[in-house]
Amino acid sequence: MNTAQLDALKRNNEESRRLTREALFEALYLLIKEKEYKQIKVTELCKRAGVSRQAFYRNFSSIDDVLEERVVNIASEITEGLTADIRQNWIHIFKVMDADRNGIHTLLKADMEHVILKYLNSYLPIHDNARKIQAVWNGVIYNLIVDWAVTGNPGDCLEMAELAYQLTKDIPPVDQFVQFHP
């Protein structure tokens, strides 16, 4: 096999892996609408996703891992778009969240929304003052996202971003944005 063929095979495998992971999450989203999260079994999830158990275990070690990966992906997408402008950051955060409401609702139905805060806090800075400021922001972001997902008030992501900005404009900004890397 030449280099071009190996590269094409690698891209093909990566795309297959991405599609498998996506199918498993979408199947989990559908199943969780029908039954309690703790009642969902890997076999049932695989059947709904149209993938083998072997494919599942090549990608994840548990169903919880499917949800945790979604959190990592959402956090990464959010942090990639952050700037020094707090208002624009809130708009970006709620646009990302609005685009992935299925992910948030699935976490809520699984009683696993705490994974968001756990993940955010796993990247707290070492220095004491910066750590405290980032912890405040993490708590605010987490609670506003979850409250918006639960209540839907206000319904529009731009309205929610403006409300979040008004509530947080006087909180000291973080010195450096944490970048999440899945």
Protein backbone atom coordinates (compact mmCIF):
# COMPACT_ATOMS: atom_id res chain seq x y z
CA MET A 1 0.00 0.00 0.00
CA ASN A 2 1.33 3.43 -0.87
CA THR A 3 1.11 6.58 1.27
CA ALA A 4 -1.97 7.93 -0.51
CA GLN A 5 -3.82 4.65 0.04
CA LEU A 6 -2.83 4.57 3.71
CA ASP A 7 -4.00 8.16 4.17
CA ALA A 8 -7.32 7.37 2.48
CA LEU A 9 -7.77 4.29 4.68
CA LYS A 10 -7.00 6.33 7.80
CA ARG A 11 -9.55 9.03 6.81
CA ASN A 12 -12.11 6.32 6.08
CA ASN A 13 -11.54 4.69 9.49
CA GLU A 14 -11.79 8.06 11.26
CA GLU A 15 -15.06 8.84 9.48
CA SER A 16 -16.42 5.39 10.33
CA ARG A 17 -15.49 5.90 13.98
CA ARG A 18 -17.14 9.35 14.02
CA LEU A 19 -20.34 7.97 12.48
CA THR A 20 -20.44 5.07 14.95
CA ARG A 21 -20.05 7.40 17.91
CA GLU A 22 -22.68 9.77 16.54
CA ALA A 23 -25.11 6.90 15.91
CA LEU A 24 -24.64 5.67 19.49
CA PHE A 25 -25.37 9.08 20.95
CA GLU A 26 -28.45 9.60 18.76
CA ALA A 27 -29.72 6.13 19.71
CA LEU A 28 -29.16 6.95 23.38
CA TYR A 29 -31.07 10.21 22.93
CA LEU A 30 -34.02 8.28 21.44
CA LEU A 31 -33.94 5.52 24.06
CA ILE A 32 -33.83 7.95 26.96
CA LYS A 33 -37.06 9.48 25.70
CA GLU A 34 -38.68 6.04 26.09
CA LYS A 35 -37.27 4.74 29.37
CA GLU A 36 -35.12 5.49 32.38
CA TYR A 37 -31.42 5.93 31.67
CA LYS A 38 -30.35 3.26 34.17
CA GLN A 39 -32.57 0.72 32.39
CA ILE A 40 -30.78 1.11 29.05
CA LYS A 41 -28.41 -1.75 28.25
CA VAL A 42 -25.48 -1.75 25.83
CA THR A 43 -27.11 -4.44 23.66
CA GLU A 44 -30.28 -2.39 23.30
CA LEU A 45 -28.29 0.77 22.53
CA CYS A 46 -26.24 -1.03 19.88
CA LYS A 47 -29.34 -2.46 18.25
CA ARG A 48 -30.99 0.98 18.09
CA ALA A 49 -27.78 2.54 16.72
CA GLY A 50 -27.28 -0.23 14.17
CA VAL A 51 -23.79 -1.06 15.40
CA SER A 52 -22.25 -4.15 16.94
CA ARG A 53 -21.34 -4.52 20.61
CA GLN A 54 -17.76 -4.86 19.42
CA ALA A 55 -18.02 -1.45 17.72
CA PHE A 56 -19.47 -0.01 20.92
CA TYR A 57 -16.61 -1.32 23.06
CA ARG A 58 -14.01 -0.17 20.52
CA ASN A 59 -15.31 3.34 21.13
CA PHE A 60 -16.59 3.40 24.72
CA SER A 61 -16.23 1.44 27.93
CA SER A 62 -19.70 2.32 29.23
CA ILE A 63 -22.89 4.14 28.32
CA ASP A 64 -21.82 6.95 30.67
CA ASP A 65 -18.79 7.45 28.41
CA VAL A 66 -21.13 8.26 25.51
CA LEU A 67 -22.55 11.15 27.52
CA GLU A 68 -19.20 12.28 28.85
CA GLU A 69 -17.84 12.49 25.32
CA ARG A 70 -20.73 14.75 24.39
CA VAL A 71 -19.82 17.07 27.28
CA VAL A 72 -16.19 17.17 26.15
CA ASN A 73 -17.23 18.00 22.59
CA ILE A 74 -19.61 20.75 23.72
CA ALA A 75 -17.01 22.25 26.08
CA SER A 76 -14.40 22.21 23.32
CA GLU A 77 -16.73 23.90 20.86
CA ILE A 78 -17.60 26.57 23.42
CA THR A 79 -14.02 27.40 24.37
CA GLU A 80 -12.85 27.57 20.76
CA GLY A 81 -15.09 30.59 20.21
CA LEU A 82 -14.38 32.60 23.36
CA THR A 83 -13.02 36.14 23.13
CA ALA A 84 -12.35 39.01 25.55
CA ASP A 85 -15.93 40.26 24.99
CA ILE A 86 -18.19 38.84 27.73
CA ARG A 87 -21.42 39.62 25.86
CA GLN A 88 -20.16 37.86 22.71
CA ASN A 89 -19.03 34.91 24.82
CA TRP A 90 -22.52 34.47 26.23
CA ILE A 91 -24.02 34.67 22.73
CA HIS A 92 -21.55 32.04 21.56
CA ILE A 93 -22.19 29.76 24.57
CA PHE A 94 -25.96 29.82 24.14
CA LYS A 95 -25.77 29.38 20.36
CA VAL A 96 -23.65 26.26 20.90
CA MET A 97 -26.06 25.02 23.55
CA ASP A 98 -29.07 25.77 21.35
CA ALA A 99 -27.51 23.79 18.50
CA ASP A 100 -27.10 20.78 20.82
CA ARG A 101 -30.26 20.81 22.91
CA ASN A 102 -30.52 17.05 22.43
CA GLY A 103 -27.20 16.64 24.21
CA ILE A 104 -28.23 18.73 27.19
CA HIS A 105 -31.68 17.14 27.46
CA THR A 106 -30.12 13.68 27.32
CA LEU A 107 -27.74 14.60 30.15
CA LEU A 108 -30.66 15.94 32.19
CA LYS A 109 -32.80 12.85 31.64
CA ALA A 110 -29.84 10.69 32.67
CA ASP A 111 -29.30 12.83 35.81
CA MET A 112 -25.76 13.39 34.55
CA GLU A 113 -25.72 17.15 34.03
CA HIS A 114 -23.17 17.34 36.85
CA VAL A 115 -20.65 15.97 34.35
CA ILE A 116 -20.59 19.44 32.76
CA LEU A 117 -19.43 21.11 35.98
CA LYS A 118 -17.06 18.26 36.78
CA TYR A 119 -15.47 18.63 33.38
CA LEU A 120 -15.23 22.42 33.62
CA ASN A 121 -13.67 22.21 37.07
CA SER A 122 -11.12 19.61 35.98
CA TYR A 123 -9.39 22.42 34.07
CA LEU A 124 -9.17 25.01 36.86
CA PRO A 125 -5.93 26.98 36.89
CA ILE A 126 -3.34 26.27 39.58
CA HIS A 127 -2.90 29.84 40.85
CA ASP A 128 -5.25 30.65 43.72
CA ASN A 129 -6.88 33.89 42.54
CA ALA A 130 -7.25 32.76 38.92
CA ARG A 131 -8.60 29.44 40.20
CA LYS A 132 -11.31 31.16 42.24
CA ILE A 133 -12.34 33.46 39.39
CA GLN A 134 -12.53 30.53 36.96
CA ALA A 135 -14.51 28.49 39.53
CA VAL A 136 -17.06 31.32 39.81
CA TRP A 137 -17.40 31.49 36.03
CA ASN A 138 -17.70 27.70 35.75
CA GLY A 139 -20.50 27.68 38.32
CA VAL A 140 -22.34 30.53 36.61
CA ILE A 141 -22.00 28.97 33.15
CA TYR A 142 -23.09 25.56 34.40
CA ASN A 143 -26.10 26.83 36.35
CA LEU A 144 -27.34 29.17 33.61
CA ILE A 145 -27.02 26.46 30.95
CA VAL A 146 -28.85 23.87 33.06
CA ASP A 147 -31.56 26.33 34.15
CA TRP A 148 -32.12 27.38 30.54
CA ALA A 149 -32.34 23.74 29.42
CA VAL A 150 -34.80 22.88 32.21
CA THR A 151 -37.05 25.94 32.10
CA GLY A 152 -36.58 27.18 28.56
CA ASN A 153 -36.91 30.76 29.87
CA PRO A 154 -36.14 32.86 28.03
CA GLY A 155 -36.56 30.57 25.04
CA ASP A 156 -34.38 32.39 22.56
CA CYS A 157 -30.61 31.90 22.91
CA LEU A 158 -29.93 35.60 22.23
CA GLU A 159 -32.34 36.65 24.97
CA MET A 160 -30.70 34.20 27.36
CA ALA A 161 -27.25 35.44 26.39
CA GLU A 162 -28.30 39.03 27.11
CA LEU A 163 -29.75 38.02 30.48
CA ALA A 164 -26.55 36.12 31.31
CA TYR A 165 -24.47 39.13 30.31
CA GLN A 166 -26.50 41.47 32.53
CA LEU A 167 -26.09 39.08 35.46
CA THR A 168 -22.35 38.60 34.99
CA LYS A 169 -20.91 41.78 33.48
CA ASP A 170 -19.42 42.81 36.83
CA ILE A 171 -17.70 39.48 37.59
CA PRO A 172 -13.95 39.80 36.98
CA PRO A 173 -12.95 38.19 33.69
CA VAL A 174 -10.59 35.25 33.61
CA ASP A 175 -6.96 36.01 32.77
CA GLN A 176 -6.71 33.24 30.22
CA PHE A 177 -9.40 31.05 28.72
CA VAL A 178 -9.20 27.37 29.44
CA GLN A 179 -9.01 25.34 26.25
CA PHE A 180 -10.59 21.91 26.35
CA HIS A 181 -9.15 19.26 24.10
CA PRO A 182 -11.12 16.05 23.61
